[in-house]
Amino acid sequence: DTLRLDHVGIRVTDLAIAEDFYAKLGFTR
């Protein structure tokens, strides 16, 4: 049985820029 989705991998070019964008959506490292 698959219990739930663990995560989604998203390829990005610049970690700092991407991390800042996703932080606006409420995500933290």
PDB file of all heavy atoms in Angstrom:
ATOM      1  N   ASP A   1       0.840  -1.196   0.000  1.00  0.00           N
ATOM      2  CA  ASP A   1       0.000   0.000   0.000  1.00  0.00           C
ATOM      3  C   ASP A   1       0.873   1.244   0.000  1.00  0.00           C
ATOM      4  O   ASP A   1       1.820   1.342   0.780  1.00  0.00           O
ATOM      5  CB  ASP A   1      -0.902   0.025   1.244  1.00  0.00           C
ATOM      6  CG  ASP A   1      -1.973  -1.047   1.186  1.00  0.00           C
ATOM      7  OD1 ASP A   1      -2.417  -1.361   0.064  1.00  0.00           O
ATOM      8  OD2 ASP A   1      -2.343  -1.574   2.240  1.00  0.00           O
ATOM      9  N   THR A   2       0.558   2.166  -0.875  1.00  0.00           N
ATOM     10  CA  THR A   2       1.205   3.471  -0.850  1.00  0.00           C
ATOM     11  C   THR A   2       0.469   4.311   0.181  1.00  0.00           C
ATOM     12  O   THR A   2      -0.750   4.483   0.096  1.00  0.00           O
ATOM     13  CB  THR A   2       1.151   4.131  -2.236  1.00  0.00           C
ATOM     14  OG1 THR A   2       1.818   3.279  -3.164  1.00  0.00           O
ATOM     15  CG2 THR A   2       1.800   5.493  -2.215  1.00  0.00           C
ATOM     16  N   LEU A   3       1.202   4.819   1.150  1.00  0.00           N
ATOM     17  CA  LEU A   3       0.569   5.508   2.265  1.00  0.00           C
ATOM     18  C   LEU A   3       0.299   6.982   1.987  1.00  0.00           C
ATOM     19  O   LEU A   3      -0.745   7.505   2.318  1.00  0.00           O
ATOM     20  CB  LEU A   3       1.431   5.361   3.517  1.00  0.00           C
ATOM     21  CG  LEU A   3       1.705   3.911   3.923  1.00  0.00           C
ATOM     22  CD1 LEU A   3       2.644   3.876   5.118  1.00  0.00           C
ATOM     23  CD2 LEU A   3       0.409   3.189   4.229  1.00  0.00           C
ATOM     24  N   ARG A   4       1.278   7.662   1.395  1.00  0.00           N
ATOM     25  CA  ARG A   4       1.103   9.078   1.063  1.00  0.00           C
ATOM     26  C   ARG A   4       2.304   9.525   0.237  1.00  0.00           C
ATOM     27  O   ARG A   4       3.305   8.835   0.166  1.00  0.00           O
ATOM     28  CB  ARG A   4       0.939   9.940   2.303  1.00  0.00           C
ATOM     29  CG  ARG A   4       2.148   9.975   3.198  1.00  0.00           C
ATOM     30  CD  ARG A   4       1.866  10.815   4.448  1.00  0.00           C
ATOM     31  NE  ARG A   4       3.072  11.084   5.177  1.00  0.00           N
ATOM     32  CZ  ARG A   4       3.550  10.327   6.153  1.00  0.00           C
ATOM     33  NH1 ARG A   4       2.900   9.235   6.520  1.00  0.00           N
ATOM     34  NH2 ARG A   4       4.659  10.643   6.771  1.00  0.00           N
ATOM     35  N   LEU A   5       2.195  10.677  -0.359  1.00  0.00           N
ATOM     36  CA  LEU A   5       3.290  11.250  -1.128  1.00  0.00           C
ATOM     37  C   LEU A   5       4.313  11.835  -0.163  1.00  0.00           C
ATOM     38  O   LEU A   5       3.963  12.578   0.760  1.00  0.00           O
ATOM     39  CB  LEU A   5       2.758  12.336  -2.062  1.00  0.00           C
ATOM     40  CG  LEU A   5       3.767  13.029  -2.967  1.00  0.00           C
ATOM     41  CD1 LEU A   5       4.314  12.051  -3.999  1.00  0.00           C
ATOM     42  CD2 LEU A   5       3.120  14.211  -3.658  1.00  0.00           C
ATOM     43  N   ASP A   6       5.589  11.518  -0.353  1.00  0.00           N
ATOM     44  CA  ASP A   6       6.631  12.024   0.537  1.00  0.00           C
ATOM     45  C   ASP A   6       7.052  13.440   0.155  1.00  0.00           C
ATOM     46  O   ASP A   6       7.074  14.333   0.986  1.00  0.00           O
ATOM     47  CB  ASP A   6       7.846  11.091   0.516  1.00  0.00           C
ATOM     48  CG  ASP A   6       8.937  11.558   1.455  1.00  0.00           C
ATOM     49  OD1 ASP A   6       8.667  11.623   2.677  1.00  0.00           O
ATOM     50  OD2 ASP A   6      10.034  11.890   0.975  1.00  0.00           O
ATOM     51  N   HIS A   7       7.426  13.648  -1.100  1.00  0.00           N
ATOM     52  CA  HIS A   7       7.833  14.974  -1.548  1.00  0.00           C
ATOM     53  C   HIS A   7       7.797  15.031  -3.068  1.00  0.00           C
ATOM     54  O   HIS A   7       7.683  14.018  -3.733  1.00  0.00           O
ATOM     55  CB  HIS A   7       9.241  15.335  -1.045  1.00  0.00           C
ATOM     56  CG  HIS A   7      10.329  14.504  -1.641  1.00  0.00           C
ATOM     57  ND1 HIS A   7      10.739  13.312  -1.083  1.00  0.00           N
ATOM     58  CD2 HIS A   7      11.085  14.670  -2.745  1.00  0.00           C
ATOM     59  CE1 HIS A   7      11.710  12.792  -1.816  1.00  0.00           C
ATOM     60  NE2 HIS A   7      11.938  13.600  -2.849  1.00  0.00           N
ATOM     61  N   VAL A   8       7.909  16.238  -3.582  1.00  0.00           N
ATOM     62  CA  VAL A   8       8.024  16.479  -5.014  1.00  0.00           C
ATOM     63  C   VAL A   8       9.393  17.116  -5.240  1.00  0.00           C
ATOM     64  O   VAL A   8       9.766  18.052  -4.529  1.00  0.00           O
ATOM     65  CB  VAL A   8       6.911  17.425  -5.520  1.00  0.00           C
ATOM     66  CG1 VAL A   8       7.128  17.803  -6.972  1.00  0.00           C
ATOM     67  CG2 VAL A   8       5.546  16.805  -5.322  1.00  0.00           C
ATOM     68  N   GLY A   9      10.156  16.593  -6.194  1.00  0.00           N
ATOM     69  CA  GLY A   9      11.445  17.172  -6.553  1.00  0.00           C
ATOM     70  C   GLY A   9      11.261  18.199  -7.660  1.00  0.00           C
ATOM     71  O   GLY A   9      10.595  17.925  -8.649  1.00  0.00           O
ATOM     72  N   ILE A  10      11.863  19.377  -7.466  1.00  0.00           N
ATOM     73  CA  ILE A  10      11.730  20.470  -8.422  1.00  0.00           C
ATOM     74  C   ILE A  10      13.135  20.936  -8.798  1.00  0.00           C
ATOM     75  O   ILE A  10      13.885  21.408  -7.941  1.00  0.00           O
ATOM     76  CB  ILE A  10      10.907  21.633  -7.827  1.00  0.00           C
ATOM     77  CG1 ILE A  10       9.517  21.134  -7.397  1.00  0.00           C
ATOM     78  CG2 ILE A  10      10.802  22.779  -8.823  1.00  0.00           C
ATOM     79  CD1 ILE A  10       8.699  22.152  -6.623  1.00  0.00           C
ATOM     80  N   ARG A  11      13.490  20.798 -10.067  1.00  0.00           N
ATOM     81  CA  ARG A  11      14.817  21.221 -10.525  1.00  0.00           C
ATOM     82  C   ARG A  11      14.844  22.741 -10.690  1.00  0.00           C
ATOM     83  O   ARG A  11      13.949  23.327 -11.297  1.00  0.00           O
ATOM     84  CB  ARG A  11      15.180  20.538 -11.834  1.00  0.00           C
ATOM     85  CG  ARG A  11      16.569  20.949 -12.327  1.00  0.00           C
ATOM     86  CD  ARG A  11      17.138  20.006 -13.367  1.00  0.00           C
ATOM     87  NE  ARG A  11      17.645  18.824 -12.676  1.00  0.00           N
ATOM     88  CZ  ARG A  11      17.222  17.573 -12.915  1.00  0.00           C
ATOM     89  NH1 ARG A  11      16.317  17.346 -13.833  1.00  0.00           N
ATOM     90  NH2 ARG A  11      17.720  16.563 -12.260  1.00  0.00           N
ATOM     91  N   VAL A  12      15.886  23.364 -10.126  1.00  0.00           N
ATOM     92  CA  VAL A  12      16.042  24.814 -10.177  1.00  0.00           C
ATOM     93  C   VAL A  12      17.477  25.163 -10.575  1.00  0.00           C
ATOM     94  O   VAL A  12      18.371  24.316 -10.503  1.00  0.00           O
ATOM     95  CB  VAL A  12      15.679  25.476  -8.822  1.00  0.00           C
ATOM     96  CG1 VAL A  12      14.229  25.189  -8.453  1.00  0.00           C
ATOM     97  CG2 VAL A  12      16.616  25.024  -7.702  1.00  0.00           C
ATOM     98  N   THR A  13      17.681  26.407 -10.982  1.00  0.00           N
ATOM     99  CA  THR A  13      19.014  26.838 -11.393  1.00  0.00           C
ATOM    100  C   THR A  13      19.781  27.522 -10.274  1.00  0.00           C
ATOM    101  O   THR A  13      21.004  27.459 -10.229  1.00  0.00           O
ATOM    102  CB  THR A  13      18.943  27.796 -12.599  1.00  0.00           C
ATOM    103  OG1 THR A  13      18.109  28.903 -12.254  1.00  0.00           O
ATOM    104  CG2 THR A  13      18.389  27.096 -13.824  1.00  0.00           C
ATOM    105  N   ASP A  14      19.095  28.210  -9.376  1.00  0.00           N
ATOM    106  CA  ASP A  14      19.749  28.960  -8.313  1.00  0.00           C
ATOM    107  C   ASP A  14      19.041  28.674  -6.996  1.00  0.00           C
ATOM    108  O   ASP A  14      17.882  29.062  -6.815  1.00  0.00           O
ATOM    109  CB  ASP A  14      19.711  30.457  -8.643  1.00  0.00           C
ATOM    110  CG  ASP A  14      20.478  31.307  -7.660  1.00  0.00           C
ATOM    111  OD1 ASP A  14      20.127  31.313  -6.458  1.00  0.00           O
ATOM    112  OD2 ASP A  14      21.428  31.977  -8.102  1.00  0.00           O
ATOM    113  N   LEU A  15      19.748  28.014  -6.077  1.00  0.00           N
ATOM    114  CA  LEU A  15      19.116  27.602  -4.819  1.00  0.00           C
ATOM    115  C   LEU A  15      18.608  28.797  -4.022  1.00  0.00           C
ATOM    116  O   LEU A  15      17.485  28.766  -3.519  1.00  0.00           O
ATOM    117  CB  LEU A  15      20.095  26.774  -3.981  1.00  0.00           C
ATOM    118  CG  LEU A  15      19.570  26.340  -2.604  1.00  0.00           C
ATOM    119  CD1 LEU A  15      18.297  25.511  -2.735  1.00  0.00           C
ATOM    120  CD2 LEU A  15      20.641  25.593  -1.835  1.00  0.00           C
ATOM    121  N   ALA A  16      19.388  29.848  -3.897  1.00  0.00           N
ATOM    122  CA  ALA A  16      18.978  30.994  -3.081  1.00  0.00           C
ATOM    123  C   ALA A  16      17.702  31.641  -3.615  1.00  0.00           C
ATOM    124  O   ALA A  16      16.791  31.968  -2.848  1.00  0.00           O
ATOM    125  CB  ALA A  16      20.110  32.015  -2.999  1.00  0.00           C
ATOM    126  N   ILE A  17      17.641  31.833  -4.917  1.00  0.00           N
ATOM    127  CA  ILE A  17      16.445  32.450  -5.521  1.00  0.00           C
ATOM    128  C   ILE A  17      15.233  31.545  -5.339  1.00  0.00           C
ATOM    129  O   ILE A  17      14.152  31.993  -4.954  1.00  0.00           O
ATOM    130  CB  ILE A  17      16.692  32.752  -7.013  1.00  0.00           C
ATOM    131  CG1 ILE A  17      17.708  33.888  -7.146  1.00  0.00           C
ATOM    132  CG2 ILE A  17      15.385  33.111  -7.725  1.00  0.00           C
ATOM    133  CD1 ILE A  17      18.188  34.133  -8.566  1.00  0.00           C
ATOM    134  N   ALA A  18      15.398  30.246  -5.597  1.00  0.00           N
ATOM    135  CA  ALA A  18      14.287  29.306  -5.457  1.00  0.00           C
ATOM    136  C   ALA A  18      13.842  29.197  -3.996  1.00  0.00           C
ATOM    137  O   ALA A  18      12.645  29.192  -3.701  1.00  0.00           O
ATOM    138  CB  ALA A  18      14.688  27.935  -5.994  1.00  0.00           C
ATOM    139  N   GLU A  19      14.801  29.113  -3.090  1.00  0.00           N
ATOM    140  CA  GLU A  19      14.459  28.985  -1.675  1.00  0.00           C
ATOM    141  C   GLU A  19      13.695  30.216  -1.192  1.00  0.00           C
ATOM    142  O   GLU A  19      12.737  30.099  -0.426  1.00  0.00           O
ATOM    143  CB  GLU A  19      15.733  28.779  -0.864  1.00  0.00           C
ATOM    144  CG  GLU A  19      15.497  28.173   0.484  1.00  0.00           C
ATOM    145  CD  GLU A  19      16.772  27.728   1.181  1.00  0.00           C
ATOM    146  OE1 GLU A  19      17.881  27.866   0.624  1.00  0.00           O
ATOM    147  OE2 GLU A  19      16.635  27.232   2.306  1.00  0.00           O
ATOM    148  N   ASP A  20      14.082  31.396  -1.667  1.00  0.00           N
ATOM    149  CA  ASP A  20      13.373  32.622  -1.314  1.00  0.00           C
ATOM    150  C   ASP A  20      11.930  32.594  -1.834  1.00  0.00           C
ATOM    151  O   ASP A  20      10.994  32.961  -1.131  1.00  0.00           O
ATOM    152  CB  ASP A  20      14.122  33.840  -1.868  1.00  0.00           C
ATOM    153  CG  ASP A  20      13.441  35.147  -1.506  1.00  0.00           C
ATOM    154  OD1 ASP A  20      13.287  35.420  -0.297  1.00  0.00           O
ATOM    155  OD2 ASP A  20      13.056  35.901  -2.427  1.00  0.00           O
ATOM    156  N   PHE A  21      11.754  32.146  -3.081  1.00  0.00           N
ATOM    157  CA  PHE A  21      10.417  32.063  -3.665  1.00  0.00           C
ATOM    158  C   PHE A  21       9.536  31.101  -2.862  1.00  0.00           C
ATOM    159  O   PHE A  21       8.406  31.436  -2.495  1.00  0.00           O
ATOM    160  CB  PHE A  21      10.494  31.605  -5.120  1.00  0.00           C
ATOM    161  CG  PHE A  21       9.154  31.390  -5.756  1.00  0.00           C
ATOM    162  CD1 PHE A  21       8.444  32.442  -6.298  1.00  0.00           C
ATOM    163  CD2 PHE A  21       8.590  30.114  -5.805  1.00  0.00           C
ATOM    164  CE1 PHE A  21       7.198  32.244  -6.883  1.00  0.00           C
ATOM    165  CE2 PHE A  21       7.349  29.911  -6.377  1.00  0.00           C
ATOM    166  CZ  PHE A  21       6.648  30.975  -6.919  1.00  0.00           C
ATOM    167  N   TYR A  22      10.037  29.905  -2.587  1.00  0.00           N
ATOM    168  CA  TYR A  22       9.234  28.910  -1.878  1.00  0.00           C
ATOM    169  C   TYR A  22       9.018  29.289  -0.414  1.00  0.00           C
ATOM    170  O   TYR A  22       8.012  28.891   0.185  1.00  0.00           O
ATOM    171  CB  TYR A  22       9.827  27.509  -2.053  1.00  0.00           C
ATOM    172  CG  TYR A  22       9.547  26.987  -3.447  1.00  0.00           C
ATOM    173  CD1 TYR A  22      10.473  27.125  -4.470  1.00  0.00           C
ATOM    174  CD2 TYR A  22       8.318  26.415  -3.752  1.00  0.00           C
ATOM    175  CE1 TYR A  22      10.194  26.691  -5.761  1.00  0.00           C
ATOM    176  CE2 TYR A  22       8.024  25.978  -5.031  1.00  0.00           C
ATOM    177  CZ  TYR A  22       8.974  26.117  -6.031  1.00  0.00           C
ATOM    178  OH  TYR A  22       8.672  25.694  -7.306  1.00  0.00           O
ATOM    179  N   ALA A  23       9.913  30.102   0.155  1.00  0.00           N
ATOM    180  CA  ALA A  23       9.701  30.622   1.511  1.00  0.00           C
ATOM    181  C   ALA A  23       8.456  31.510   1.533  1.00  0.00           C
ATOM    182  O   ALA A  23       7.707  31.514   2.515  1.00  0.00           O
ATOM    183  CB  ALA A  23      10.923  31.396   1.987  1.00  0.00           C
ATOM    184  N   LYS A  24       8.214  32.250   0.446  1.00  0.00           N
ATOM    185  CA  LYS A  24       7.005  33.072   0.363  1.00  0.00           C
ATOM    186  C   LYS A  24       5.750  32.209   0.421  1.00  0.00           C
ATOM    187  O   LYS A  24       4.699  32.667   0.861  1.00  0.00           O
ATOM    188  CB  LYS A  24       7.004  33.898  -0.921  1.00  0.00           C
ATOM    189  CG  LYS A  24       8.029  34.993  -0.940  1.00  0.00           C
ATOM    190  CD  LYS A  24       7.996  35.735  -2.267  1.00  0.00           C
ATOM    191  CE  LYS A  24       9.054  36.807  -2.324  1.00  0.00           C
ATOM    192  NZ  LYS A  24       9.051  37.511  -3.614  1.00  0.00           N
ATOM    193  N   LEU A  25       5.866  30.959  -0.034  1.00  0.00           N
ATOM    194  CA  LEU A  25       4.731  30.033   0.003  1.00  0.00           C
ATOM    195  C   LEU A  25       4.658  29.283   1.333  1.00  0.00           C
ATOM    196  O   LEU A  25       3.807  28.429   1.513  1.00  0.00           O
ATOM    197  CB  LEU A  25       4.831  29.030  -1.147  1.00  0.00           C
ATOM    198  CG  LEU A  25       4.764  29.624  -2.558  1.00  0.00           C
ATOM    199  CD1 LEU A  25       5.004  28.538  -3.597  1.00  0.00           C
ATOM    200  CD2 LEU A  25       3.433  30.316  -2.801  1.00  0.00           C
ATOM    201  N   GLY A  26       5.569  29.599   2.252  1.00  0.00           N
ATOM    202  CA  GLY A  26       5.532  29.013   3.588  1.00  0.00           C
ATOM    203  C   GLY A  26       6.510  27.876   3.823  1.00  0.00           C
ATOM    204  O   GLY A  26       6.518  27.284   4.897  1.00  0.00           O
ATOM    205  N   PHE A  27       7.349  27.544   2.841  1.00  0.00           N
ATOM    206  CA  PHE A  27       8.301  26.448   2.983  1.00  0.00           C
ATOM    207  C   PHE A  27       9.598  26.939   3.623  1.00  0.00           C
ATOM    208  O   PHE A  27      10.077  28.030   3.301  1.00  0.00           O
ATOM    209  CB  PHE A  27       8.627  25.823   1.624  1.00  0.00           C
ATOM    210  CG  PHE A  27       7.506  25.019   1.040  1.00  0.00           C
ATOM    211  CD1 PHE A  27       6.546  25.626   0.243  1.00  0.00           C
ATOM    212  CD2 PHE A  27       7.406  23.659   1.283  1.00  0.00           C
ATOM    213  CE1 PHE A  27       5.506  24.886  -0.307  1.00  0.00           C
ATOM    214  CE2 PHE A  27       6.372  22.916   0.741  1.00  0.00           C
ATOM    215  CZ  PHE A  27       5.421  23.525  -0.053  1.00  0.00           C
ATOM    216  N   THR A  28      10.163  26.143   4.521  1.00  0.00           N
ATOM    217  CA  THR A  28      11.448  26.448   5.139  1.00  0.00           C
ATOM    218  C   THR A  28      12.385  25.261   4.960  1.00  0.00           C
ATOM    219  O   THR A  28      11.948  24.118   4.804  1.00  0.00           O
ATOM    220  CB  THR A  28      11.298  26.746   6.645  1.00  0.00           C
ATOM    221  OG1 THR A  28      10.694  25.621   7.281  1.00  0.00           O
ATOM    222  CG2 THR A  28      10.461  27.989   6.877  1.00  0.00           C
ATOM    223  N   ARG A  29      13.673  25.553   5.010  1.00  0.00           N
ATOM    224  CA  ARG A  29      14.687  24.509   4.818  1.00  0.00           C
ATOM    225  C   ARG A  29      14.646  23.512   5.979  1.00  0.00           C
ATOM    226  O   ARG A  29      14.574  23.897   7.136  1.00  0.00           O
ATOM    227  CB  ARG A  29      16.070  25.122   4.728  1.00  0.00           C
ATOM    228  CG  ARG A  29      17.147  24.076   4.451  1.00  0.00           C
ATOM    229  CD  ARG A  29      18.526  24.641   4.427  1.00  0.00           C
ATOM    230  NE  ARG A  29      18.730  25.445   3.219  1.00  0.00           N
ATOM    231  CZ  ARG A  29      19.924  25.791   2.772  1.00  0.00           C
ATOM    232  NH1 ARG A  29      21.008  25.430   3.426  1.00  0.00           N
ATOM    233  NH2 ARG A  29      20.034  26.523   1.679  1.00  0.00           N
TER     234      ARG A  29
END
